[in-house]
All heavy atoms as atom14 arrays in JSON, in Angstrom:
{
  "sequence": "RGLGEWHAEWAPLLDGVLLVEGALGSLAPLLAGLEVHVEAMARNLRLS",
  "atom14_mask": [
    [1, 1, 1, 1, 1, 1, 1, 1, 1, 1, 1, 0, 0, 0],
    [1, 1, 1, 1, 0, 0, 0, 0, 0, 0, 0, 0, 0, 0],
    [1, 1, 1, 1, 1, 1, 1, 1, 0, 0, 0, 0, 0, 0],
    [1, 1, 1, 1, 0, 0, 0, 0, 0, 0, 0, 0, 0, 0],
    [1, 1, 1, 1, 1, 1, 1, 1, 1, 0, 0, 0, 0, 0],
    [1, 1, 1, 1, 1, 1, 1, 1, 1, 1, 1, 1, 1, 1],
    [1, 1, 1, 1, 1, 1, 1, 1, 1, 1, 0, 0, 0, 0],
    [1, 1, 1, 1, 1, 0, 0, 0, 0, 0, 0, 0, 0, 0],
    [1, 1, 1, 1, 1, 1, 1, 1, 1, 0, 0, 0, 0, 0],
    [1, 1, 1, 1, 1, 1, 1, 1, 1, 1, 1, 1, 1, 1],
    [1, 1, 1, 1, 1, 0, 0, 0, 0, 0, 0, 0, 0, 0],
    [1, 1, 1, 1, 1, 1, 1, 0, 0, 0, 0, 0, 0, 0],
    [1, 1, 1, 1, 1, 1, 1, 1, 0, 0, 0, 0, 0, 0],
    [1, 1, 1, 1, 1, 1, 1, 1, 0, 0, 0, 0, 0, 0],
    [1, 1, 1, 1, 1, 1, 1, 1, 0, 0, 0, 0, 0, 0],
    [1, 1, 1, 1, 0, 0, 0, 0, 0, 0, 0, 0, 0, 0],
    [1, 1, 1, 1, 1, 1, 1, 0, 0, 0, 0, 0, 0, 0],
    [1, 1, 1, 1, 1, 1, 1, 1, 0, 0, 0, 0, 0, 0],
    [1, 1, 1, 1, 1, 1, 1, 1, 0, 0, 0, 0, 0, 0],
    [1, 1, 1, 1, 1, 1, 1, 0, 0, 0, 0, 0, 0, 0],
    [1, 1, 1, 1, 1, 1, 1, 1, 1, 0, 0, 0, 0, 0],
    [1, 1, 1, 1, 0, 0, 0, 0, 0, 0, 0, 0, 0, 0],
    [1, 1, 1, 1, 1, 0, 0, 0, 0, 0, 0, 0, 0, 0],
    [1, 1, 1, 1, 1, 1, 1, 1, 0, 0, 0, 0, 0, 0],
    [1, 1, 1, 1, 0, 0, 0, 0, 0, 0, 0, 0, 0, 0],
    [1, 1, 1, 1, 1, 1, 0, 0, 0, 0, 0, 0, 0, 0],
    [1, 1, 1, 1, 1, 1, 1, 1, 0, 0, 0, 0, 0, 0],
    [1, 1, 1, 1, 1, 0, 0, 0, 0, 0, 0, 0, 0, 0],
    [1, 1, 1, 1, 1, 1, 1, 0, 0, 0, 0, 0, 0, 0],
    [1, 1, 1, 1, 1, 1, 1, 1, 0, 0, 0, 0, 0, 0],
    [1, 1, 1, 1, 1, 1, 1, 1, 0, 0, 0, 0, 0, 0],
    [1, 1, 1, 1, 1, 0, 0, 0, 0, 0, 0, 0, 0, 0],
    [1, 1, 1, 1, 0, 0, 0, 0, 0, 0, 0, 0, 0, 0],
    [1, 1, 1, 1, 1, 1, 1, 1, 0, 0, 0, 0, 0, 0],
    [1, 1, 1, 1, 1, 1, 1, 1, 1, 0, 0, 0, 0, 0],
    [1, 1, 1, 1, 1, 1, 1, 0, 0, 0, 0, 0, 0, 0],
    [1, 1, 1, 1, 1, 1, 1, 1, 1, 1, 0, 0, 0, 0],
    [1, 1, 1, 1, 1, 1, 1, 0, 0, 0, 0, 0, 0, 0],
    [1, 1, 1, 1, 1, 1, 1, 1, 1, 0, 0, 0, 0, 0],
    [1, 1, 1, 1, 1, 0, 0, 0, 0, 0, 0, 0, 0, 0],
    [1, 1, 1, 1, 1, 1, 1, 1, 0, 0, 0, 0, 0, 0],
    [1, 1, 1, 1, 1, 0, 0, 0, 0, 0, 0, 0, 0, 0],
    [1, 1, 1, 1, 1, 1, 1, 1, 1, 1, 1, 0, 0, 0],
    [1, 1, 1, 1, 1, 1, 1, 1, 0, 0, 0, 0, 0, 0],
    [1, 1, 1, 1, 1, 1, 1, 1, 0, 0, 0, 0, 0, 0],
    [1, 1, 1, 1, 1, 1, 1, 1, 1, 1, 1, 0, 0, 0],
    [1, 1, 1, 1, 1, 1, 1, 1, 0, 0, 0, 0, 0, 0],
    [1, 1, 1, 1, 1, 1, 0, 0, 0, 0, 0, 0, 0, 0]
  ],
  "atom14_positions": [
    [[11.03, 62.8, -0.84], [10.56, 61.69, -0.01], [10.41, 62.17, 1.42], [11.3, 62.84, 1.95], [11.55, 60.51, -0.06], [11.07, 59.22, 0.64], [9.79, 58.64, 0.02], [9.83, 58.64, -1.44], [10.51, 57.77, -2.18], [11.21, 56.81, -1.62], [10.48, 57.85, -3.51], [0.0, 0.0, 0.0], [0.0, 0.0, 0.0], [0.0, 0.0, 0.0]],
    [[9.32, 61.82, 2.04], [9.08, 62.24, 3.4], [10.09, 61.65, 4.38], [10.54, 60.51, 4.23], [0.0, 0.0, 0.0], [0.0, 0.0, 0.0], [0.0, 0.0, 0.0], [0.0, 0.0, 0.0], [0.0, 0.0, 0.0], [0.0, 0.0, 0.0], [0.0, 0.0, 0.0], [0.0, 0.0, 0.0], [0.0, 0.0, 0.0], [0.0, 0.0, 0.0]],
    [[10.43, 62.44, 5.38], [11.36, 61.99, 6.43], [10.55, 61.77, 7.71], [10.55, 62.59, 8.62], [12.46, 63.04, 6.66], [13.53, 62.67, 7.7], [14.35, 61.48, 7.24], [14.42, 63.86, 7.98], [0.0, 0.0, 0.0], [0.0, 0.0, 0.0], [0.0, 0.0, 0.0], [0.0, 0.0, 0.0], [0.0, 0.0, 0.0], [0.0, 0.0, 0.0]],
    [[9.82, 60.68, 7.73], [8.96, 60.39, 8.87], [7.52, 60.81, 8.63], [6.6, 60.22, 9.22], [0.0, 0.0, 0.0], [0.0, 0.0, 0.0], [0.0, 0.0, 0.0], [0.0, 0.0, 0.0], [0.0, 0.0, 0.0], [0.0, 0.0, 0.0], [0.0, 0.0, 0.0], [0.0, 0.0, 0.0], [0.0, 0.0, 0.0], [0.0, 0.0, 0.0]],
    [[7.29, 61.83, 7.78], [5.91, 62.26, 7.53], [5.12, 61.17, 6.81], [3.98, 60.88, 7.19], [5.89, 63.55, 6.7], [6.48, 64.76, 7.4], [7.98, 64.9, 7.16], [8.59, 63.97, 6.57], [8.53, 65.93, 7.55], [0.0, 0.0, 0.0], [0.0, 0.0, 0.0], [0.0, 0.0, 0.0], [0.0, 0.0, 0.0], [0.0, 0.0, 0.0]],
    [[5.69, 60.62, 5.75], [5.0, 59.55, 5.01], [4.73, 58.38, 5.95], [3.64, 57.82, 5.99], [5.87, 59.11, 3.83], [5.35, 57.9, 3.1], [4.11, 57.73, 2.59], [6.08, 56.7, 2.82], [4.0, 56.49, 1.99], [5.2, 55.84, 2.12], [7.38, 56.27, 3.07], [5.59, 54.57, 1.67], [7.77, 55.02, 2.62], [6.88, 54.18, 1.93]],
    [[5.72, 58.03, 6.73], [5.61, 56.91, 7.65], [4.52, 57.14, 8.71], [3.86, 56.2, 9.16], [6.95, 56.67, 8.35], [8.12, 56.65, 7.41], [8.59, 57.78, 6.79], [8.91, 55.62, 6.99], [9.61, 57.48, 6.01], [9.84, 56.17, 6.12], [0.0, 0.0, 0.0], [0.0, 0.0, 0.0], [0.0, 0.0, 0.0], [0.0, 0.0, 0.0]],
    [[4.35, 58.41, 9.08], [3.37, 58.74, 10.11], [1.94, 58.64, 9.61], [1.0, 58.62, 10.41], [3.63, 60.16, 10.64], [0.0, 0.0, 0.0], [0.0, 0.0, 0.0], [0.0, 0.0, 0.0], [0.0, 0.0, 0.0], [0.0, 0.0, 0.0], [0.0, 0.0, 0.0], [0.0, 0.0, 0.0], [0.0, 0.0, 0.0], [0.0, 0.0, 0.0]],
    [[1.74, 58.58, 8.3], [0.4, 58.54, 7.73], [-0.27, 57.18, 7.85], [-1.5, 57.1, 7.95], [0.44, 58.87, 6.23], [0.82, 60.27, 5.88], [1.03, 60.41, 4.38], [1.14, 59.37, 3.68], [1.09, 61.56, 3.91], [0.0, 0.0, 0.0], [0.0, 0.0, 0.0], [0.0, 0.0, 0.0], [0.0, 0.0, 0.0], [0.0, 0.0, 0.0]],
    [[0.5, 56.11, 7.77], [-0.08, 54.78, 7.56], [-1.12, 54.41, 8.6], [-2.27, 54.08, 8.26], [1.02, 53.72, 7.53], [2.13, 54.01, 6.58], [2.05, 54.66, 5.39], [3.51, 53.68, 6.76], [3.29, 54.76, 4.8], [4.21, 54.15, 5.62], [4.23, 53.01, 7.74], [5.58, 53.99, 5.45], [5.6, 52.84, 7.59], [6.27, 53.33, 6.46]],
    [[-0.72, 54.42, 9.87], [-1.63, 53.97, 10.92], [-2.86, 54.88, 11.04], [-3.99, 54.38, 11.08], [-0.9, 53.86, 12.26], [0.0, 0.0, 0.0], [0.0, 0.0, 0.0], [0.0, 0.0, 0.0], [0.0, 0.0, 0.0], [0.0, 0.0, 0.0], [0.0, 0.0, 0.0], [0.0, 0.0, 0.0], [0.0, 0.0, 0.0], [0.0, 0.0, 0.0]],
    [[-2.71, 56.21, 11.1], [-3.91, 57.04, 11.22], [-4.83, 56.94, 10.01], [-6.06, 57.04, 10.15], [-3.37, 58.47, 11.39], [-1.95, 58.41, 11.01], [-1.48, 57.03, 11.26], [0.0, 0.0, 0.0], [0.0, 0.0, 0.0], [0.0, 0.0, 0.0], [0.0, 0.0, 0.0], [0.0, 0.0, 0.0], [0.0, 0.0, 0.0], [0.0, 0.0, 0.0]],
    [[-4.26, 56.75, 8.82], [-5.1, 56.59, 7.64], [-5.98, 55.35, 7.76], [-7.2, 55.4, 7.57], [-4.22, 56.51, 6.39], [-4.94, 56.22, 5.06], [-5.91, 57.35, 4.73], [-3.93, 56.03, 3.94], [0.0, 0.0, 0.0], [0.0, 0.0, 0.0], [0.0, 0.0, 0.0], [0.0, 0.0, 0.0], [0.0, 0.0, 0.0], [0.0, 0.0, 0.0]],
    [[-5.35, 54.22, 8.07], [-6.11, 52.98, 8.21], [-7.04, 53.03, 9.41], [-8.2, 52.59, 9.34], [-5.14, 51.8, 8.32], [-4.31, 51.52, 7.06], [-3.23, 50.5, 7.36], [-5.19, 51.05, 5.92], [0.0, 0.0, 0.0], [0.0, 0.0, 0.0], [0.0, 0.0, 0.0], [0.0, 0.0, 0.0], [0.0, 0.0, 0.0], [0.0, 0.0, 0.0]],
    [[-6.55, 53.57, 10.53], [-7.4, 53.69, 11.71], [-8.62, 54.56, 11.4], [-9.75, 54.23, 11.79], [-6.63, 54.33, 12.87], [-5.67, 53.36, 13.55], [-5.69, 52.17, 13.2], [-4.9, 53.81, 14.42], [0.0, 0.0, 0.0], [0.0, 0.0, 0.0], [0.0, 0.0, 0.0], [0.0, 0.0, 0.0], [0.0, 0.0, 0.0], [0.0, 0.0, 0.0]],
    [[-8.38, 55.68, 10.7], [-9.48, 56.58, 10.4], [-10.58, 55.89, 9.6], [-11.77, 56.05, 9.88], [0.0, 0.0, 0.0], [0.0, 0.0, 0.0], [0.0, 0.0, 0.0], [0.0, 0.0, 0.0], [0.0, 0.0, 0.0], [0.0, 0.0, 0.0], [0.0, 0.0, 0.0], [0.0, 0.0, 0.0], [0.0, 0.0, 0.0], [0.0, 0.0, 0.0]],
    [[-10.18, 55.12, 8.6], [-11.16, 54.41, 7.78], [-11.93, 53.38, 8.63], [-13.16, 53.3, 8.57], [-10.47, 53.72, 6.59], [-11.43, 52.8, 5.86], [-9.92, 54.76, 5.63], [0.0, 0.0, 0.0], [0.0, 0.0, 0.0], [0.0, 0.0, 0.0], [0.0, 0.0, 0.0], [0.0, 0.0, 0.0], [0.0, 0.0, 0.0], [0.0, 0.0, 0.0]],
    [[-11.21, 52.61, 9.43], [-11.86, 51.58, 10.24], [-12.76, 52.18, 11.31], [-13.81, 51.64, 11.65], [-10.8, 50.69, 10.89], [-9.99, 49.8, 9.94], [-8.94, 49.03, 10.72], [-10.9, 48.83, 9.2], [0.0, 0.0, 0.0], [0.0, 0.0, 0.0], [0.0, 0.0, 0.0], [0.0, 0.0, 0.0], [0.0, 0.0, 0.0], [0.0, 0.0, 0.0]],
    [[-12.36, 53.33, 11.85], [-13.17, 53.99, 12.88], [-14.45, 54.59, 12.29], [-15.51, 54.49, 12.89], [-12.34, 55.07, 13.57], [-11.25, 54.56, 14.51], [-10.23, 55.65, 14.8], [-11.86, 54.04, 15.81], [0.0, 0.0, 0.0], [0.0, 0.0, 0.0], [0.0, 0.0, 0.0], [0.0, 0.0, 0.0], [0.0, 0.0, 0.0], [0.0, 0.0, 0.0]],
    [[-14.33, 55.2, 11.12], [-15.53, 55.74, 10.47], [-16.48, 54.6, 10.09], [-17.69, 54.68, 10.31], [-15.16, 56.58, 9.23], [-16.41, 56.93, 8.42], [-14.45, 57.85, 9.64], [0.0, 0.0, 0.0], [0.0, 0.0, 0.0], [0.0, 0.0, 0.0], [0.0, 0.0, 0.0], [0.0, 0.0, 0.0], [0.0, 0.0, 0.0], [0.0, 0.0, 0.0]],
    [[-15.92, 53.53, 9.56], [-16.76, 52.38, 9.22], [-17.43, 51.82, 10.46], [-18.62, 51.46, 10.45], [-15.92, 51.31, 8.53], [-16.75, 50.15, 8.0], [-15.92, 49.11, 7.27], [-14.71, 49.35, 7.0], [-16.47, 48.02, 6.96], [0.0, 0.0, 0.0], [0.0, 0.0, 0.0], [0.0, 0.0, 0.0], [0.0, 0.0, 0.0], [0.0, 0.0, 0.0]],
    [[-16.69, 51.76, 11.56], [-17.26, 51.27, 12.81], [-18.34, 52.19, 13.35], [-19.4, 51.74, 13.8], [0.0, 0.0, 0.0], [0.0, 0.0, 0.0], [0.0, 0.0, 0.0], [0.0, 0.0, 0.0], [0.0, 0.0, 0.0], [0.0, 0.0, 0.0], [0.0, 0.0, 0.0], [0.0, 0.0, 0.0], [0.0, 0.0, 0.0], [0.0, 0.0, 0.0]],
    [[-18.08, 53.5, 13.31], [-19.06, 54.46, 13.84], [-20.35, 54.42, 13.03], [-21.45, 54.39, 13.59], [-18.47, 55.87, 13.81], [0.0, 0.0, 0.0], [0.0, 0.0, 0.0], [0.0, 0.0, 0.0], [0.0, 0.0, 0.0], [0.0, 0.0, 0.0], [0.0, 0.0, 0.0], [0.0, 0.0, 0.0], [0.0, 0.0, 0.0], [0.0, 0.0, 0.0]],
    [[-20.22, 54.39, 11.71], [-21.42, 54.36, 10.88], [-22.13, 53.02, 10.95], [-23.36, 52.94, 10.83], [-21.05, 54.69, 9.43], [-20.54, 56.11, 9.2], [-20.09, 56.3, 7.77], [-21.6, 57.14, 9.55], [0.0, 0.0, 0.0], [0.0, 0.0, 0.0], [0.0, 0.0, 0.0], [0.0, 0.0, 0.0], [0.0, 0.0, 0.0], [0.0, 0.0, 0.0]],
    [[-21.37, 51.96, 11.2], [-21.98, 50.66, 11.4], [-22.83, 50.63, 12.67], [-23.81, 49.88, 12.76], [0.0, 0.0, 0.0], [0.0, 0.0, 0.0], [0.0, 0.0, 0.0], [0.0, 0.0, 0.0], [0.0, 0.0, 0.0], [0.0, 0.0, 0.0], [0.0, 0.0, 0.0], [0.0, 0.0, 0.0], [0.0, 0.0, 0.0], [0.0, 0.0, 0.0]],
    [[-22.48, 51.46, 13.65], [-23.3, 51.58, 14.87], [-24.44, 52.57, 14.68], [-25.51, 52.43, 15.28], [-22.42, 52.06, 16.04], [-21.46, 51.08, 16.39], [0.0, 0.0, 0.0], [0.0, 0.0, 0.0], [0.0, 0.0, 0.0], [0.0, 0.0, 0.0], [0.0, 0.0, 0.0], [0.0, 0.0, 0.0], [0.0, 0.0, 0.0], [0.0, 0.0, 0.0]],
    [[-24.21, 53.6, 13.84], [-25.21, 54.66, 13.69], [-26.47, 54.18, 12.98], [-27.58, 54.55, 13.36], [-24.59, 55.84, 12.93], [-25.48, 57.07, 12.75], [-25.86, 57.66, 14.1], [-24.76, 58.11, 11.9], [0.0, 0.0, 0.0], [0.0, 0.0, 0.0], [0.0, 0.0, 0.0], [0.0, 0.0, 0.0], [0.0, 0.0, 0.0], [0.0, 0.0, 0.0]],
    [[-26.3, 53.38, 11.93], [-27.46, 52.95, 11.15], [-28.48, 52.2, 12.01], [-29.67, 52.57, 12.03], [-27.02, 52.11, 9.96], [0.0, 0.0, 0.0], [0.0, 0.0, 0.0], [0.0, 0.0, 0.0], [0.0, 0.0, 0.0], [0.0, 0.0, 0.0], [0.0, 0.0, 0.0], [0.0, 0.0, 0.0], [0.0, 0.0, 0.0], [0.0, 0.0, 0.0]],
    [[-28.09, 51.16, 12.78], [-29.08, 50.49, 13.63], [-29.57, 51.36, 14.78], [-30.72, 51.2, 15.24], [-28.34, 49.25, 14.13], [-26.89, 49.55, 13.97], [-26.78, 50.46, 12.79], [0.0, 0.0, 0.0], [0.0, 0.0, 0.0], [0.0, 0.0, 0.0], [0.0, 0.0, 0.0], [0.0, 0.0, 0.0], [0.0, 0.0, 0.0], [0.0, 0.0, 0.0]],
    [[-28.72, 52.26, 15.27], [-29.17, 53.17, 16.33], [-30.34, 54.01, 15.83], [-31.38, 54.13, 16.52], [-28.01, 54.08, 16.75], [-28.37, 55.29, 17.63], [-28.96, 54.83, 18.96], [-27.14, 56.16, 17.86], [0.0, 0.0, 0.0], [0.0, 0.0, 0.0], [0.0, 0.0, 0.0], [0.0, 0.0, 0.0], [0.0, 0.0, 0.0], [0.0, 0.0, 0.0]],
    [[-30.21, 54.56, 14.65], [-31.26, 55.42, 14.12], [-32.5, 54.59, 13.74], [-33.63, 55.02, 13.96], [-30.73, 56.18, 12.9], [-31.27, 57.6, 12.71], [-30.95, 58.44, 13.94], [-30.66, 58.24, 11.48], [0.0, 0.0, 0.0], [0.0, 0.0, 0.0], [0.0, 0.0, 0.0], [0.0, 0.0, 0.0], [0.0, 0.0, 0.0], [0.0, 0.0, 0.0]],
    [[-32.26, 53.41, 13.19], [-33.38, 52.56, 12.77], [-34.23, 52.11, 13.95], [-35.45, 51.95, 13.84], [-32.86, 51.36, 11.99], [0.0, 0.0, 0.0], [0.0, 0.0, 0.0], [0.0, 0.0, 0.0], [0.0, 0.0, 0.0], [0.0, 0.0, 0.0], [0.0, 0.0, 0.0], [0.0, 0.0, 0.0], [0.0, 0.0, 0.0], [0.0, 0.0, 0.0]],
    [[-33.6, 51.88, 15.11], [-34.34, 51.4, 16.27], [-34.56, 52.44, 17.34], [-34.99, 52.11, 18.45], [0.0, 0.0, 0.0], [0.0, 0.0, 0.0], [0.0, 0.0, 0.0], [0.0, 0.0, 0.0], [0.0, 0.0, 0.0], [0.0, 0.0, 0.0], [0.0, 0.0, 0.0], [0.0, 0.0, 0.0], [0.0, 0.0, 0.0], [0.0, 0.0, 0.0]],
    [[-34.3, 53.7, 17.03], [-34.41, 54.76, 18.02], [-35.83, 54.83, 18.59], [-36.82, 54.83, 17.84], [-34.05, 56.1, 17.38], [-33.83, 57.29, 18.31], [-32.62, 57.05, 19.22], [-33.63, 58.56, 17.49], [0.0, 0.0, 0.0], [0.0, 0.0, 0.0], [0.0, 0.0, 0.0], [0.0, 0.0, 0.0], [0.0, 0.0, 0.0], [0.0, 0.0, 0.0]],
    [[-35.93, 54.88, 19.9], [-37.23, 55.01, 20.56], [-37.53, 56.49, 20.8], [-36.76, 57.17, 21.47], [-37.23, 54.24, 21.88], [-37.02, 52.74, 21.72], [-36.98, 52.0, 23.04], [-37.43, 52.6, 24.06], [-36.52, 50.85, 23.08], [0.0, 0.0, 0.0], [0.0, 0.0, 0.0], [0.0, 0.0, 0.0], [0.0, 0.0, 0.0], [0.0, 0.0, 0.0]],
    [[-38.61, 56.96, 20.22], [-38.99, 58.37, 20.32], [-40.15, 58.49, 21.3], [-41.22, 57.89, 21.08], [-39.39, 58.93, 18.94], [-39.75, 60.41, 19.06], [-38.27, 58.72, 17.94], [0.0, 0.0, 0.0], [0.0, 0.0, 0.0], [0.0, 0.0, 0.0], [0.0, 0.0, 0.0], [0.0, 0.0, 0.0], [0.0, 0.0, 0.0], [0.0, 0.0, 0.0]],
    [[-39.97, 59.24, 22.36], [-40.98, 59.38, 23.41], [-41.73, 60.69, 23.2], [-41.34, 61.73, 23.76], [-40.34, 59.3, 24.78], [-39.51, 58.05, 24.98], [-40.04, 56.78, 24.84], [-38.19, 57.88, 25.27], [-39.08, 55.88, 25.06], [-37.95, 56.53, 25.31], [0.0, 0.0, 0.0], [0.0, 0.0, 0.0], [0.0, 0.0, 0.0], [0.0, 0.0, 0.0]],
    [[-42.78, 60.62, 22.42], [-43.53, 61.83, 22.05], [-44.13, 62.5, 23.27], [-44.17, 63.74, 23.37], [-44.62, 61.46, 21.02], [-45.48, 62.67, 20.7], [-43.98, 60.92, 19.75], [0.0, 0.0, 0.0], [0.0, 0.0, 0.0], [0.0, 0.0, 0.0], [0.0, 0.0, 0.0], [0.0, 0.0, 0.0], [0.0, 0.0, 0.0], [0.0, 0.0, 0.0]],
    [[-44.58, 61.7, 24.23], [-45.2, 62.27, 25.43], [-44.2, 63.07, 26.25], [-44.54, 64.11, 26.84], [-45.85, 61.17, 26.29], [-44.89, 60.22, 26.98], [-44.21, 59.21, 26.04], [-44.61, 59.11, 24.86], [-43.28, 58.51, 26.5], [0.0, 0.0, 0.0], [0.0, 0.0, 0.0], [0.0, 0.0, 0.0], [0.0, 0.0, 0.0], [0.0, 0.0, 0.0]],
    [[-42.95, 62.62, 26.28], [-41.92, 63.38, 26.99], [-41.6, 64.68, 26.26], [-41.35, 65.71, 26.9], [-40.66, 62.53, 27.15], [0.0, 0.0, 0.0], [0.0, 0.0, 0.0], [0.0, 0.0, 0.0], [0.0, 0.0, 0.0], [0.0, 0.0, 0.0], [0.0, 0.0, 0.0], [0.0, 0.0, 0.0], [0.0, 0.0, 0.0], [0.0, 0.0, 0.0]],
    [[-41.61, 64.63, 24.95], [-41.39, 65.85, 24.18], [-42.49, 66.86, 24.48], [-42.23, 68.06, 24.66], [-41.34, 65.54, 22.68], [-40.11, 64.77, 22.26], [-40.09, 64.41, 20.48], [-38.47, 63.61, 20.34], [0.0, 0.0, 0.0], [0.0, 0.0, 0.0], [0.0, 0.0, 0.0], [0.0, 0.0, 0.0], [0.0, 0.0, 0.0], [0.0, 0.0, 0.0]],
    [[-43.73, 66.38, 24.53], [-44.85, 67.27, 24.85], [-44.73, 67.84, 26.26], [-44.99, 69.02, 26.51], [-46.17, 66.52, 24.68], [0.0, 0.0, 0.0], [0.0, 0.0, 0.0], [0.0, 0.0, 0.0], [0.0, 0.0, 0.0], [0.0, 0.0, 0.0], [0.0, 0.0, 0.0], [0.0, 0.0, 0.0], [0.0, 0.0, 0.0], [0.0, 0.0, 0.0]],
    [[-44.32, 66.97, 27.2], [-44.17, 67.42, 28.59], [-43.1, 68.5, 28.71], [-43.3, 69.54, 29.34], [-43.8, 66.22, 29.47], [-43.61, 66.55, 30.95], [-42.87, 65.43, 31.65], [-41.49, 65.31, 31.21], [-40.89, 64.15, 30.91], [-41.57, 63.02, 30.97], [-39.63, 64.14, 30.53], [0.0, 0.0, 0.0], [0.0, 0.0, 0.0], [0.0, 0.0, 0.0]],
    [[-41.95, 68.26, 28.09], [-40.86, 69.22, 28.18], [-41.17, 70.51, 27.43], [-40.69, 71.59, 27.79], [-39.57, 68.61, 27.64], [-39.06, 67.49, 28.52], [-39.35, 67.44, 29.71], [-38.31, 66.56, 27.93], [0.0, 0.0, 0.0], [0.0, 0.0, 0.0], [0.0, 0.0, 0.0], [0.0, 0.0, 0.0], [0.0, 0.0, 0.0], [0.0, 0.0, 0.0]],
    [[-41.99, 70.4, 26.39], [-42.37, 71.59, 25.64], [-43.16, 72.55, 26.52], [-43.08, 73.78, 26.37], [-43.23, 71.16, 24.44], [-43.55, 72.19, 23.36], [-42.27, 72.69, 22.71], [-44.45, 71.57, 22.31], [0.0, 0.0, 0.0], [0.0, 0.0, 0.0], [0.0, 0.0, 0.0], [0.0, 0.0, 0.0], [0.0, 0.0, 0.0], [0.0, 0.0, 0.0]],
    [[-43.91, 71.98, 27.48], [-44.74, 72.81, 28.36], [-44.1, 73.04, 29.73], [-44.77, 73.53, 30.65], [-46.1, 72.14, 28.52], [-46.92, 72.2, 27.26], [-48.18, 71.36, 27.33], [-49.01, 71.58, 26.16], [-48.76, 71.08, 24.95], [-47.7, 70.31, 24.76], [-49.54, 71.34, 23.93], [0.0, 0.0, 0.0], [0.0, 0.0, 0.0], [0.0, 0.0, 0.0]],
    [[-42.83, 72.7, 29.83], [-42.16, 72.8, 31.13], [-42.17, 74.23, 31.66], [-42.26, 74.46, 32.86], [-40.72, 72.31, 30.98], [-39.99, 71.9, 32.25], [-40.71, 70.76, 32.95], [-38.55, 71.49, 31.92], [0.0, 0.0, 0.0], [0.0, 0.0, 0.0], [0.0, 0.0, 0.0], [0.0, 0.0, 0.0], [0.0, 0.0, 0.0], [0.0, 0.0, 0.0]],
    [[-42.09, 75.2, 30.76], [-42.06, 76.6, 31.18], [-43.44, 77.23, 31.17], [-43.56, 78.45, 31.37], [-41.15, 77.39, 30.24], [-41.74, 77.48, 28.95], [0.0, 0.0, 0.0], [0.0, 0.0, 0.0], [0.0, 0.0, 0.0], [0.0, 0.0, 0.0], [0.0, 0.0, 0.0], [0.0, 0.0, 0.0], [0.0, 0.0, 0.0], [0.0, 0.0, 0.0]]
  ]
}
């Protein structure tokens, strides 16, 4: 039986799941609505 190790898992395990779910919940709409500025890409491509 863990002496503090088992006990130390609970919060980070649950936090990790909730944080990943939160991050991916933000990522999907970010990517879906991402504004791509093609003209700026062309400008920067010729910067040199």
